[in-house]
Amino acid sequence: MITGKFPNLRLRRSRKDKWSRRLIEENTLTSSDFILPLFLIEGKNKKQSINSMPGVYRYSLDKIYYVIDRAINLKLPMVALFPHTKKTKKNNLGSEALNENNLVCKAIQLIKKRYKNEIGIMCDVALDPYTSHGHDGLLNSNYVLNDETIEILISQALLQAQMGCDVIAPSDMMDGRVGKIRKSLDKNGFQMTQILSYAVKYASNFYGPFRDAVGSKNLLIGDKKNYQMDFRNKSESLREVALDIKEGADMIMVKPGLPYLDIIKLVKENFKIPVIAYQVSGEYSLLSNAINKGIVSKEIILESLISFKRAGANAIVSYYADRINEILRI
């Protein structure tokens, strides 16, 4: 509703000075709004660049303290752990996911031993970093099996909780896995371990650099359209979120982020639950490469991040999180 008329009403009056713009701004960002992804690699004294993601690295376990120290100094609330698993440790069943000495389990223990509860740890529950075919679950005739996959995911989630993970994040998109995982966690004394469900995860073309980062890109057989959502669909996201809330999800994820701002808004308006947006690898790489080539200003980073808050996201998983102080000063 417009309550005024030009020239008595001049909307540009409040835009004239910086202090005035700050006074009435509707959406702001702080470091508390971010989750930092952390890629893990085997070996020692390694900080390995990822060619498709400028400014992002894989770290050996003895190097992760540098990343965690920086995250805590920036007052980031949580890091998300992602492993780059050796091909020799991958198989059709993703067995390495259940190895208590895998990269993720070791990293959880190291972080908790040194930092206690100074920072939260989030771990994906899915098999794609561990399978030789690159899929999130068990593959049979190019179809990912639902119920059989869930049985493995339950064990993976419970193992991560036992290691000290704070937030279990099923990213696999199997039907019914949130309820089964919640039941297992509760039964084994992990009632206070949170579940962040990737409730709305689209079969997107924006995931390529991430698959490169975890070493599954060239292994993927076919595509993931028989379990991840069709990007043509909107209402389906509400059904996915409703089911996961009923099954016990504490928070939900919308992934990717920027191309799905309408979905973030739709979910937030329909459910009173924390909504996390994932600014995925493809979004990050497109922005970063355009900035590096001088095509756009670095101010585009802040503009894109604010759009998530404007749409209704409570927090953002972003590869820019470890540079948020510089970004907020733009």
C-alpha atoms as a PDB file:
ATOM      1  CA  MET A   1       0.000   0.000   0.000  1.00  0.00           C
ATOM      2  CA  ILE A   2       1.367   3.420  -0.990  1.00  0.00           C
ATOM      3  CA  THR A   3       0.638   6.012   1.722  1.00  0.00           C
ATOM      4  CA  GLY A   4       1.761   9.221   0.125  1.00  0.00           C
ATOM      5  CA  LYS A   5       2.150  11.129  -3.077  1.00  0.00           C
ATOM      6  CA  PHE A   6       4.982  12.915  -4.841  1.00  0.00           C
ATOM      7  CA  PRO A   7       6.291  15.570  -4.185  1.00  0.00           C
ATOM      8  CA  ASN A   8       5.361  15.338  -0.494  1.00  0.00           C
ATOM      9  CA  LEU A   9       6.662  11.786  -0.514  1.00  0.00           C
ATOM     10  CA  ARG A  10      10.225  11.401  -1.769  1.00  0.00           C
ATOM     11  CA  LEU A  11      11.593   7.911  -1.158  1.00  0.00           C
ATOM     12  CA  ARG A  12      15.075   9.047  -2.137  1.00  0.00           C
ATOM     13  CA  ARG A  13      15.301  11.175   1.021  1.00  0.00           C
ATOM     14  CA  SER A  14      16.150   8.099   3.089  1.00  0.00           C
ATOM     15  CA  ARG A  15      18.753   6.977   0.519  1.00  0.00           C
ATOM     16  CA  LYS A  16      20.683  10.255   0.456  1.00  0.00           C
ATOM     17  CA  ASP A  17      23.184   9.492   3.235  1.00  0.00           C
ATOM     18  CA  LYS A  18      24.963   6.313   4.245  1.00  0.00           C
ATOM     19  CA  TRP A  19      23.881   6.640   7.890  1.00  0.00           C
ATOM     20  CA  SER A  20      20.262   6.906   6.785  1.00  0.00           C
ATOM     21  CA  ARG A  21      20.489   3.860   4.565  1.00  0.00           C
ATOM     22  CA  ARG A  22      22.003   1.924   7.459  1.00  0.00           C
ATOM     23  CA  LEU A  23      19.240   3.109   9.777  1.00  0.00           C
ATOM     24  CA  ILE A  24      16.412   1.595   7.741  1.00  0.00           C
ATOM     25  CA  GLU A  25      18.076  -1.449   6.155  1.00  0.00           C
ATOM     26  CA  GLU A  26      15.808  -4.470   6.424  1.00  0.00           C
ATOM     27  CA  ASN A  27      18.316  -7.324   6.155  1.00  0.00           C
ATOM     28  CA  THR A  28      21.811  -7.628   7.586  1.00  0.00           C
ATOM     29  CA  LEU A  29      24.488 -10.294   7.801  1.00  0.00           C
ATOM     30  CA  THR A  30      26.842 -11.256  10.612  1.00  0.00           C
ATOM     31  CA  SER A  31      29.334 -14.090  10.950  1.00  0.00           C
ATOM     32  CA  SER A  32      26.697 -15.972  12.947  1.00  0.00           C
ATOM     33  CA  ASP A  33      24.767 -16.477   9.713  1.00  0.00           C
ATOM     34  CA  PHE A  34      27.392 -18.751   8.135  1.00  0.00           C
ATOM     35  CA  ILE A  35      28.519 -22.376   8.034  1.00  0.00           C
ATOM     36  CA  LEU A  36      32.001 -23.014   6.630  1.00  0.00           C
ATOM     37  CA  PRO A  37      32.574 -26.136   4.480  1.00  0.00           C
ATOM     38  CA  LEU A  38      35.903 -27.861   5.139  1.00  0.00           C
ATOM     39  CA  PHE A  39      37.352 -30.390   2.683  1.00  0.00           C
ATOM     40  CA  LEU A  40      39.552 -33.134   4.146  1.00  0.00           C
ATOM     41  CA  ILE A  41      42.340 -35.121   2.493  1.00  0.00           C
ATOM     42  CA  GLU A  42      44.657 -37.882   3.648  1.00  0.00           C
ATOM     43  CA  GLY A  43      48.349 -37.320   4.266  1.00  0.00           C
ATOM     44  CA  LYS A  44      50.351 -34.792   6.261  1.00  0.00           C
ATOM     45  CA  ASN A  45      51.156 -31.108   5.879  1.00  0.00           C
ATOM     46  CA  LYS A  46      48.825 -30.756   2.908  1.00  0.00           C
ATOM     47  CA  LYS A  47      46.916 -27.700   1.761  1.00  0.00           C
ATOM     48  CA  GLN A  48      45.763 -28.717  -1.693  1.00  0.00           C
ATOM     49  CA  SER A  49      44.127 -26.267  -4.074  1.00  0.00           C
ATOM     50  CA  ILE A  50      40.930 -27.191  -5.910  1.00  0.00           C
ATOM     51  CA  ASN A  51      41.261 -26.014  -9.503  1.00  0.00           C
ATOM     52  CA  SER A  52      37.541 -25.553 -10.086  1.00  0.00           C
ATOM     53  CA  MET A  53      37.065 -23.576  -6.838  1.00  0.00           C
ATOM     54  CA  PRO A  54      39.526 -20.654  -6.627  1.00  0.00           C
ATOM     55  CA  GLY A  55      40.483 -19.838  -3.041  1.00  0.00           C
ATOM     56  CA  VAL A  56      39.181 -23.147  -1.641  1.00  0.00           C
ATOM     57  CA  TYR A  57      41.462 -25.966  -0.466  1.00  0.00           C
ATOM     58  CA  ARG A  58      41.560 -29.521   0.812  1.00  0.00           C
ATOM     59  CA  TYR A  59      43.403 -29.913   4.136  1.00  0.00           C
ATOM     60  CA  SER A  60      45.143 -32.860   5.742  1.00  0.00           C
ATOM     61  CA  LEU A  61      44.068 -33.455   9.327  1.00  0.00           C
ATOM     62  CA  ASP A  62      47.187 -31.867  10.812  1.00  0.00           C
ATOM     63  CA  LYS A  63      46.315 -28.656   8.926  1.00  0.00           C
ATOM     64  CA  ILE A  64      42.675 -28.285   9.931  1.00  0.00           C
ATOM     65  CA  TYR A  65      43.521 -26.447  13.152  1.00  0.00           C
ATOM     66  CA  TYR A  66      44.435 -23.400  11.068  1.00  0.00           C
ATOM     67  CA  VAL A  67      40.952 -23.434   9.520  1.00  0.00           C
ATOM     68  CA  ILE A  68      39.132 -24.035  12.812  1.00  0.00           C
ATOM     69  CA  ASP A  69      41.125 -21.327  14.617  1.00  0.00           C
ATOM     70  CA  ARG A  70      40.166 -18.849  11.908  1.00  0.00           C
ATOM     71  CA  ALA A  71      36.524 -19.932  12.002  1.00  0.00           C
ATOM     72  CA  ILE A  72      36.359 -19.425  15.769  1.00  0.00           C
ATOM     73  CA  ASN A  73      38.091 -16.044  15.549  1.00  0.00           C
ATOM     74  CA  LEU A  74      35.500 -15.017  12.974  1.00  0.00           C
ATOM     75  CA  LYS A  75      32.762 -16.251  15.346  1.00  0.00           C
ATOM     76  CA  LEU A  76      31.396 -18.726  12.806  1.00  0.00           C
ATOM     77  CA  PRO A  77      28.989 -21.075  14.605  1.00  0.00           C
ATOM     78  CA  MET A  78      29.697 -24.251  12.649  1.00  0.00           C
ATOM     79  CA  VAL A  79      31.904 -26.042  10.133  1.00  0.00           C
ATOM     80  CA  ALA A  80      30.738 -28.756   7.719  1.00  0.00           C
ATOM     81  CA  LEU A  81      33.147 -31.627   7.030  1.00  0.00           C
ATOM     82  CA  PHE A  82      33.523 -33.208   3.580  1.00  0.00           C
ATOM     83  CA  PRO A  83      36.075 -35.963   2.788  1.00  0.00           C
ATOM     84  CA  HIS A  84      38.121 -36.550  -0.355  1.00  0.00           C
ATOM     85  CA  THR A  85      38.326 -40.322  -0.204  1.00  0.00           C
ATOM     86  CA  LYS A  86      41.044 -42.288  -2.007  1.00  0.00           C
ATOM     87  CA  LYS A  87      39.751 -44.376  -4.929  1.00  0.00           C
ATOM     88  CA  THR A  88      41.294 -47.453  -3.345  1.00  0.00           C
ATOM     89  CA  LYS A  89      38.940 -47.022  -0.389  1.00  0.00           C
ATOM     90  CA  LYS A  90      35.793 -46.736  -2.506  1.00  0.00           C
ATOM     91  CA  ASN A  91      33.517 -49.595  -3.468  1.00  0.00           C
ATOM     92  CA  ASN A  92      29.950 -50.235  -4.623  1.00  0.00           C
ATOM     93  CA  LEU A  93      28.671 -50.279  -1.034  1.00  0.00           C
ATOM     94  CA  GLY A  94      30.468 -47.175   0.242  1.00  0.00           C
ATOM     95  CA  SER A  95      31.894 -49.232   3.109  1.00  0.00           C
ATOM     96  CA  GLU A  96      34.401 -46.544   4.085  1.00  0.00           C
ATOM     97  CA  ALA A  97      31.471 -44.475   5.394  1.00  0.00           C
ATOM     98  CA  LEU A  98      31.242 -46.934   8.300  1.00  0.00           C
ATOM     99  CA  ASN A  99      34.956 -46.969   9.095  1.00  0.00           C
ATOM    100  CA  GLU A 100      35.529 -45.321  12.472  1.00  0.00           C
ATOM    101  CA  ASN A 101      38.983 -44.309  11.249  1.00  0.00           C
ATOM    102  CA  ASN A 102      37.800 -42.527   8.092  1.00  0.00           C
ATOM    103  CA  LEU A 103      38.691 -38.880   7.509  1.00  0.00           C
ATOM    104  CA  VAL A 104      35.438 -37.465   8.855  1.00  0.00           C
ATOM    105  CA  CYS A 105      35.521 -39.511  12.061  1.00  0.00           C
ATOM    106  CA  LYS A 106      39.148 -38.604  12.744  1.00  0.00           C
ATOM    107  CA  ALA A 107      38.463 -34.924  12.078  1.00  0.00           C
ATOM    108  CA  ILE A 108      35.492 -34.870  14.448  1.00  0.00           C
ATOM    109  CA  GLN A 109      37.566 -36.372  17.230  1.00  0.00           C
ATOM    110  CA  LEU A 110      40.475 -33.988  16.683  1.00  0.00           C
ATOM    111  CA  ILE A 111      38.233 -30.924  16.647  1.00  0.00           C
ATOM    112  CA  LYS A 112      36.276 -31.968  19.724  1.00  0.00           C
ATOM    113  CA  LYS A 113      39.416 -32.847  21.665  1.00  0.00           C
ATOM    114  CA  ARG A 114      40.984 -29.435  21.104  1.00  0.00           C
ATOM    115  CA  TYR A 115      37.962 -27.109  20.914  1.00  0.00           C
ATOM    116  CA  LYS A 116      35.242 -28.896  22.912  1.00  0.00           C
ATOM    117  CA  ASN A 117      32.031 -27.004  22.123  1.00  0.00           C
ATOM    118  CA  GLU A 118      33.571 -23.754  20.913  1.00  0.00           C
ATOM    119  CA  ILE A 119      32.281 -24.514  17.432  1.00  0.00           C
ATOM    120  CA  GLY A 120      29.678 -26.882  16.023  1.00  0.00           C
ATOM    121  CA  ILE A 121      30.397 -29.722  13.624  1.00  0.00           C
ATOM    122  CA  MET A 122      28.055 -30.752  10.830  1.00  0.00           C
ATOM    123  CA  CYS A 123      28.529 -33.967   8.851  1.00  0.00           C
ATOM    124  CA  ASP A 124      26.749 -35.114   5.716  1.00  0.00           C
ATOM    125  CA  VAL A 125      25.052 -38.481   5.811  1.00  0.00           C
ATOM    126  CA  ALA A 126      25.309 -39.891   2.292  1.00  0.00           C
ATOM    127  CA  LEU A 127      27.468 -42.402   0.475  1.00  0.00           C
ATOM    128  CA  ASP A 128      28.634 -40.435  -2.580  1.00  0.00           C
ATOM    129  CA  PRO A 129      32.118 -39.604  -1.194  1.00  0.00           C
ATOM    130  CA  TYR A 130      32.647 -43.322  -0.593  1.00  0.00           C
ATOM    131  CA  THR A 131      31.051 -45.175  -3.534  1.00  0.00           C
ATOM    132  CA  SER A 132      32.932 -46.212  -6.655  1.00  0.00           C
ATOM    133  CA  HIS A 133      29.922 -45.180  -8.769  1.00  0.00           C
ATOM    134  CA  GLY A 134      29.546 -41.706  -7.218  1.00  0.00           C
ATOM    135  CA  HIS A 135      25.947 -42.103  -6.060  1.00  0.00           C
ATOM    136  CA  ASP A 136      24.508 -41.285  -2.653  1.00  0.00           C
ATOM    137  CA  GLY A 137      23.265 -44.815  -2.076  1.00  0.00           C
ATOM    138  CA  LEU A 138      23.365 -48.415  -3.250  1.00  0.00           C
ATOM    139  CA  LEU A 139      23.105 -48.720  -7.016  1.00  0.00           C
ATOM    140  CA  ASN A 140      21.206 -51.456  -8.831  1.00  0.00           C
ATOM    141  CA  SER A 141      20.665 -51.269 -12.606  1.00  0.00           C
ATOM    142  CA  ASN A 142      21.311 -47.503 -12.561  1.00  0.00           C
ATOM    143  CA  TYR A 143      18.662 -47.025  -9.849  1.00  0.00           C
ATOM    144  CA  VAL A 144      19.553 -46.020  -6.284  1.00  0.00           C
ATOM    145  CA  LEU A 145      17.813 -48.326  -3.826  1.00  0.00           C
ATOM    146  CA  ASN A 146      15.908 -46.493  -1.108  1.00  0.00           C
ATOM    147  CA  ASP A 147      15.270 -48.779   1.853  1.00  0.00           C
ATOM    148  CA  GLU A 148      18.509 -50.720   1.527  1.00  0.00           C
ATOM    149  CA  THR A 149      20.474 -47.447   1.423  1.00  0.00           C
ATOM    150  CA  ILE A 150      18.740 -46.163   4.557  1.00  0.00           C
ATOM    151  CA  GLU A 151      20.041 -49.085   6.596  1.00  0.00           C
ATOM    152  CA  ILE A 152      23.608 -47.989   5.832  1.00  0.00           C
ATOM    153  CA  LEU A 153      22.802 -44.326   6.440  1.00  0.00           C
ATOM    154  CA  ILE A 154      21.467 -45.165   9.908  1.00  0.00           C
ATOM    155  CA  SER A 155      24.810 -46.742  10.813  1.00  0.00           C
ATOM    156  CA  GLN A 156      26.746 -43.841   9.284  1.00  0.00           C
ATOM    157  CA  ALA A 157      24.732 -41.258  11.226  1.00  0.00           C
ATOM    158  CA  LEU A 158      25.095 -43.162  14.497  1.00  0.00           C
ATOM    159  CA  LEU A 159      28.866 -43.498  13.991  1.00  0.00           C
ATOM    160  CA  GLN A 160      29.219 -39.763  13.393  1.00  0.00           C
ATOM    161  CA  ALA A 161      27.208 -39.015  16.529  1.00  0.00           C
ATOM    162  CA  GLN A 162      29.380 -41.390  18.549  1.00  0.00           C
ATOM    163  CA  MET A 163      32.484 -39.572  17.313  1.00  0.00           C
ATOM    164  CA  GLY A 164      31.046 -36.264  18.547  1.00  0.00           C
ATOM    165  CA  CYS A 165      29.234 -34.743  15.573  1.00  0.00           C
ATOM    166  CA  ASP A 166      26.736 -32.074  16.661  1.00  0.00           C
ATOM    167  CA  VAL A 167      24.545 -31.850  13.562  1.00  0.00           C
ATOM    168  CA  ILE A 168      23.761 -34.867  11.409  1.00  0.00           C
ATOM    169  CA  ALA A 169      22.880 -33.760   7.876  1.00  0.00           C
ATOM    170  CA  PRO A 170      21.273 -36.406   5.640  1.00  0.00           C
ATOM    171  CA  SER A 171      21.956 -35.164   2.099  1.00  0.00           C
ATOM    172  CA  ASP A 172      21.022 -38.341   0.242  1.00  0.00           C
ATOM    173  CA  MET A 173      17.329 -37.625  -0.532  1.00  0.00           C
ATOM    174  CA  MET A 174      16.124 -41.133   0.341  1.00  0.00           C
ATOM    175  CA  ASP A 175      12.476 -41.260   1.411  1.00  0.00           C
ATOM    176  CA  GLY A 176      11.999 -41.864   5.130  1.00  0.00           C
ATOM    177  CA  ARG A 177      15.620 -41.631   6.220  1.00  0.00           C
ATOM    178  CA  VAL A 178      15.160 -38.750   8.690  1.00  0.00           C
ATOM    179  CA  GLY A 179      12.681 -40.681  10.842  1.00  0.00           C
ATOM    180  CA  LYS A 180      14.827 -43.831  10.853  1.00  0.00           C
ATOM    181  CA  ILE A 181      17.964 -41.863  11.767  1.00  0.00           C
ATOM    182  CA  ARG A 182      16.141 -39.949  14.502  1.00  0.00           C
ATOM    183  CA  LYS A 183      14.857 -43.186  16.004  1.00  0.00           C
ATOM    184  CA  SER A 184      18.344 -44.719  15.991  1.00  0.00           C
ATOM    185  CA  LEU A 185      19.963 -41.648  17.549  1.00  0.00           C
ATOM    186  CA  ASP A 186      17.350 -41.472  20.301  1.00  0.00           C
ATOM    187  CA  LYS A 187      17.582 -45.195  21.027  1.00  0.00           C
ATOM    188  CA  ASN A 188      21.350 -44.935  21.464  1.00  0.00           C
ATOM    189  CA  GLY A 189      21.367 -41.922  23.774  1.00  0.00           C
ATOM    190  CA  PHE A 190      21.862 -39.120  21.241  1.00  0.00           C
ATOM    191  CA  GLN A 191      18.548 -37.366  21.791  1.00  0.00           C
ATOM    192  CA  MET A 192      20.277 -33.968  21.712  1.00  0.00           C
ATOM    193  CA  THR A 193      22.119 -34.528  18.430  1.00  0.00           C
ATOM    194  CA  GLN A 194      20.452 -32.312  15.857  1.00  0.00           C
ATOM    195  CA  ILE A 195      19.325 -33.286  12.363  1.00  0.00           C
ATOM    196  CA  LEU A 196      19.668 -30.814   9.518  1.00  0.00           C
ATOM    197  CA  SER A 197      17.845 -32.456   6.651  1.00  0.00           C
ATOM    198  CA  TYR A 198      18.678 -31.682   3.041  1.00  0.00           C
ATOM    199  CA  ALA A 199      14.922 -31.782   2.562  1.00  0.00           C
ATOM    200  CA  VAL A 200      14.953 -29.790  -0.683  1.00  0.00           C
ATOM    201  CA  LYS A 201      17.901 -30.886  -2.789  1.00  0.00           C
ATOM    202  CA  TYR A 202      17.530 -30.467  -6.512  1.00  0.00           C
ATOM    203  CA  ALA A 203      19.198 -32.508  -9.260  1.00  0.00           C
ATOM    204  CA  SER A 204      21.236 -29.473 -10.204  1.00  0.00           C
ATOM    205  CA  ASN A 205      23.950 -28.613 -12.700  1.00  0.00           C
ATOM    206  CA  PHE A 206      25.602 -26.399 -10.069  1.00  0.00           C
ATOM    207  CA  TYR A 207      27.306 -29.247  -8.165  1.00  0.00           C
ATOM    208  CA  GLY A 208      30.220 -29.945 -10.511  1.00  0.00           C
ATOM    209  CA  PRO A 209      33.055 -28.237  -8.579  1.00  0.00           C
ATOM    210  CA  PHE A 210      31.982 -29.913  -5.319  1.00  0.00           C
ATOM    211  CA  ARG A 211      32.139 -33.335  -6.935  1.00  0.00           C
ATOM    212  CA  ASP A 212      35.613 -32.398  -8.098  1.00  0.00           C
ATOM    213  CA  ALA A 213      36.522 -31.383  -4.530  1.00  0.00           C
ATOM    214  CA  VAL A 214      35.464 -34.728  -3.014  1.00  0.00           C
ATOM    215  CA  GLY A 215      36.737 -36.816  -5.914  1.00  0.00           C
ATOM    216  CA  SER A 216      33.440 -38.199  -7.229  1.00  0.00           C
ATOM    217  CA  LYS A 217      33.008 -36.131 -10.407  1.00  0.00           C
ATOM    218  CA  ASN A 218      34.636 -38.528 -12.868  1.00  0.00           C
ATOM    219  CA  LEU A 219      33.203 -41.592 -11.138  1.00  0.00           C
ATOM    220  CA  LEU A 220      29.515 -40.718 -11.360  1.00  0.00           C
ATOM    221  CA  ILE A 221      27.525 -43.238 -13.393  1.00  0.00           C
ATOM    222  CA  GLY A 222      24.520 -41.587 -15.036  1.00  0.00           C
ATOM    223  CA  ASP A 223      22.796 -38.836 -13.055  1.00  0.00           C
ATOM    224  CA  LYS A 224      20.953 -38.387  -9.748  1.00  0.00           C
ATOM    225  CA  LYS A 225      17.521 -37.536 -11.113  1.00  0.00           C
ATOM    226  CA  ASN A 226      15.821 -40.648  -9.710  1.00  0.00           C
ATOM    227  CA  TYR A 227      16.282 -39.351  -6.163  1.00  0.00           C
ATOM    228  CA  GLN A 228      17.117 -35.635  -6.206  1.00  0.00           C
ATOM    229  CA  MET A 229      14.303 -33.204  -7.020  1.00  0.00           C
ATOM    230  CA  ASP A 230      13.310 -31.987 -10.481  1.00  0.00           C
ATOM    231  CA  PHE A 231      14.238 -28.302 -10.783  1.00  0.00           C
ATOM    232  CA  ARG A 232      10.973 -27.707 -12.649  1.00  0.00           C
ATOM    233  CA  ASN A 233       8.995 -28.433  -9.484  1.00  0.00           C
ATOM    234  CA  LYS A 234       8.047 -26.047  -6.703  1.00  0.00           C
ATOM    235  CA  SER A 235       5.140 -27.477  -4.671  1.00  0.00           C
ATOM    236  CA  GLU A 236       6.981 -30.766  -4.255  1.00  0.00           C
ATOM    237  CA  SER A 237       9.419 -28.975  -1.952  1.00  0.00           C
ATOM    238  CA  LEU A 238       6.630 -28.373   0.577  1.00  0.00           C
ATOM    239  CA  ARG A 239       5.791 -32.063   0.657  1.00  0.00           C
ATOM    240  CA  GLU A 240       9.449 -32.975   1.224  1.00  0.00           C
ATOM    241  CA  VAL A 241       9.815 -30.471   4.075  1.00  0.00           C
ATOM    242  CA  ALA A 242       6.521 -31.478   5.703  1.00  0.00           C
ATOM    243  CA  LEU A 243       7.561 -35.136   5.749  1.00  0.00           C
ATOM    244  CA  ASP A 244      10.999 -34.426   7.204  1.00  0.00           C
ATOM    245  CA  ILE A 245       9.603 -32.165   9.939  1.00  0.00           C
ATOM    246  CA  LYS A 246       7.164 -34.902  10.896  1.00  0.00           C
ATOM    247  CA  GLU A 247      10.041 -37.382  11.017  1.00  0.00           C
ATOM    248  CA  GLY A 248      12.058 -35.212  13.413  1.00  0.00           C
ATOM    249  CA  ALA A 249      14.200 -32.748  11.439  1.00  0.00           C
ATOM    250  CA  ASP A 250      15.366 -29.779  13.542  1.00  0.00           C
ATOM    251  CA  MET A 251      16.407 -27.684  10.523  1.00  0.00           C
ATOM    252  CA  ILE A 252      16.060 -28.064   6.779  1.00  0.00           C
ATOM    253  CA  MET A 253      18.309 -27.247   3.849  1.00  0.00           C
ATOM    254  CA  VAL A 254      17.465 -25.814   0.444  1.00  0.00           C
ATOM    255  CA  LYS A 255      20.146 -26.650  -2.120  1.00  0.00           C
ATOM    256  CA  PRO A 256      21.275 -25.003  -4.380  1.00  0.00           C
ATOM    257  CA  GLY A 257      20.714 -21.472  -3.143  1.00  0.00           C
ATOM    258  CA  LEU A 258      20.659 -18.561  -5.567  1.00  0.00           C
ATOM    259  CA  PRO A 259      18.627 -20.223  -8.358  1.00  0.00           C
ATOM    260  CA  TYR A 260      16.097 -21.345  -5.727  1.00  0.00           C
ATOM    261  CA  LEU A 261      15.369 -18.190  -3.736  1.00  0.00           C
ATOM    262  CA  ASP A 262      11.673 -18.670  -4.471  1.00  0.00           C
ATOM    263  CA  ILE A 263      11.839 -22.091  -2.800  1.00  0.00           C
ATOM    264  CA  ILE A 264      13.569 -20.674   0.284  1.00  0.00           C
ATOM    265  CA  LYS A 265      10.833 -18.055   0.565  1.00  0.00           C
ATOM    266  CA  LEU A 266       8.070 -20.610  -0.014  1.00  0.00           C
ATOM    267  CA  VAL A 267       9.390 -22.982   2.647  1.00  0.00           C
ATOM    268  CA  LYS A 268      10.008 -20.238   5.207  1.00  0.00           C
ATOM    269  CA  GLU A 269       6.525 -18.807   4.783  1.00  0.00           C
ATOM    270  CA  ASN A 270       4.864 -22.201   5.177  1.00  0.00           C
ATOM    271  CA  PHE A 271       6.898 -23.748   8.011  1.00  0.00           C
ATOM    272  CA  LYS A 272       8.160 -22.246  11.262  1.00  0.00           C
ATOM    273  CA  ILE A 273      11.475 -24.053  11.157  1.00  0.00           C
ATOM    274  CA  PRO A 274      15.048 -22.839  10.632  1.00  0.00           C
ATOM    275  CA  VAL A 275      15.874 -22.823   6.912  1.00  0.00           C
ATOM    276  CA  ILE A 276      19.496 -23.111   5.772  1.00  0.00           C
ATOM    277  CA  ALA A 277      20.530 -22.145   2.244  1.00  0.00           C
ATOM    278  CA  TYR A 278      23.519 -23.732   0.528  1.00  0.00           C
ATOM    279  CA  GLN A 279      25.432 -21.418  -1.789  1.00  0.00           C
ATOM    280  CA  VAL A 280      26.815 -24.377  -3.698  1.00  0.00           C
ATOM    281  CA  SER A 281      30.141 -24.837  -5.453  1.00  0.00           C
ATOM    282  CA  GLY A 282      28.892 -23.873  -8.904  1.00  0.00           C
ATOM    283  CA  GLU A 283      27.490 -20.603  -7.598  1.00  0.00           C
ATOM    284  CA  TYR A 284      30.734 -19.890  -5.762  1.00  0.00           C
ATOM    285  CA  SER A 285      32.941 -20.673  -8.750  1.00  0.00           C
ATOM    286  CA  LEU A 286      30.862 -18.621 -11.183  1.00  0.00           C
ATOM    287  CA  LEU A 287      31.035 -15.592  -8.903  1.00  0.00           C
ATOM    288  CA  SER A 288      34.719 -16.006  -8.050  1.00  0.00           C
ATOM    289  CA  ASN A 289      35.857 -16.524 -11.632  1.00  0.00           C
ATOM    290  CA  ALA A 290      33.817 -13.553 -12.841  1.00  0.00           C
ATOM    291  CA  ILE A 291      35.400 -11.383 -10.113  1.00  0.00           C
ATOM    292  CA  ASN A 292      38.918 -12.638 -10.888  1.00  0.00           C
ATOM    293  CA  LYS A 293      38.448 -11.843 -14.573  1.00  0.00           C
ATOM    294  CA  GLY A 294      37.179  -8.345 -13.824  1.00  0.00           C
ATOM    295  CA  ILE A 295      33.762  -9.040 -15.327  1.00  0.00           C
ATOM    296  CA  VAL A 296      31.947  -7.995 -12.145  1.00  0.00           C
ATOM    297  CA  SER A 297      32.848  -6.203  -8.917  1.00  0.00           C
ATOM    298  CA  LYS A 298      33.602  -8.189  -5.746  1.00  0.00           C
ATOM    299  CA  GLU A 299      30.575  -6.435  -4.250  1.00  0.00           C
ATOM    300  CA  ILE A 300      28.490  -9.067  -6.025  1.00  0.00           C
ATOM    301  CA  ILE A 301      29.380 -11.475  -3.199  1.00  0.00           C
ATOM    302  CA  LEU A 302      27.609  -9.440  -0.537  1.00  0.00           C
ATOM    303  CA  GLU A 303      24.665  -8.781  -2.839  1.00  0.00           C
ATOM    304  CA  SER A 304      24.195 -12.488  -3.498  1.00  0.00           C
ATOM    305  CA  LEU A 305      24.517 -13.412   0.201  1.00  0.00           C
ATOM    306  CA  ILE A 306      21.997 -10.769   1.271  1.00  0.00           C
ATOM    307  CA  SER A 307      19.528 -12.261  -1.209  1.00  0.00           C
ATOM    308  CA  PHE A 308      19.412 -15.439   0.876  1.00  0.00           C
ATOM    309  CA  LYS A 309      18.500 -13.491   4.000  1.00  0.00           C
ATOM    310  CA  ARG A 310      15.953 -11.458   2.093  1.00  0.00           C
ATOM    311  CA  ALA A 311      14.323 -14.685   0.909  1.00  0.00           C
ATOM    312  CA  GLY A 312      14.096 -15.925   4.507  1.00  0.00           C
ATOM    313  CA  ALA A 313      17.141 -18.103   5.147  1.00  0.00           C
ATOM    314  CA  ASN A 314      18.316 -18.272   8.755  1.00  0.00           C
ATOM    315  CA  ALA A 315      21.858 -19.212   7.765  1.00  0.00           C
ATOM    316  CA  ILE A 316      23.994 -19.912   4.719  1.00  0.00           C
ATOM    317  CA  VAL A 317      26.511 -22.620   3.905  1.00  0.00           C
ATOM    318  CA  SER A 318      29.091 -20.712   1.876  1.00  0.00           C
ATOM    319  CA  TYR A 319      32.683 -21.123   0.736  1.00  0.00           C
ATOM    320  CA  TYR A 320      33.036 -17.393   1.371  1.00  0.00           C
ATOM    321  CA  ALA A 321      32.406 -17.856   5.108  1.00  0.00           C
ATOM    322  CA  ASP A 322      36.104 -17.741   6.026  1.00  0.00           C
ATOM    323  CA  ARG A 323      36.353 -14.300   4.367  1.00  0.00           C
ATOM    324  CA  ILE A 324      33.132 -12.885   5.740  1.00  0.00           C
ATOM    325  CA  ASN A 325      34.738 -10.011   7.644  1.00  0.00           C
ATOM    326  CA  GLU A 326      36.262  -8.583   4.457  1.00  0.00           C
ATOM    327  CA  ILE A 327      32.996  -9.145   2.577  1.00  0.00           C
ATOM    328  CA  LEU A 328      30.913  -7.338   5.176  1.00  0.00           C
ATOM    329  CA  ARG A 329      33.242  -4.350   4.946  1.00  0.00           C
ATOM    330  CA  ILE A 330      32.543  -3.947   1.233  1.00  0.00           C
END
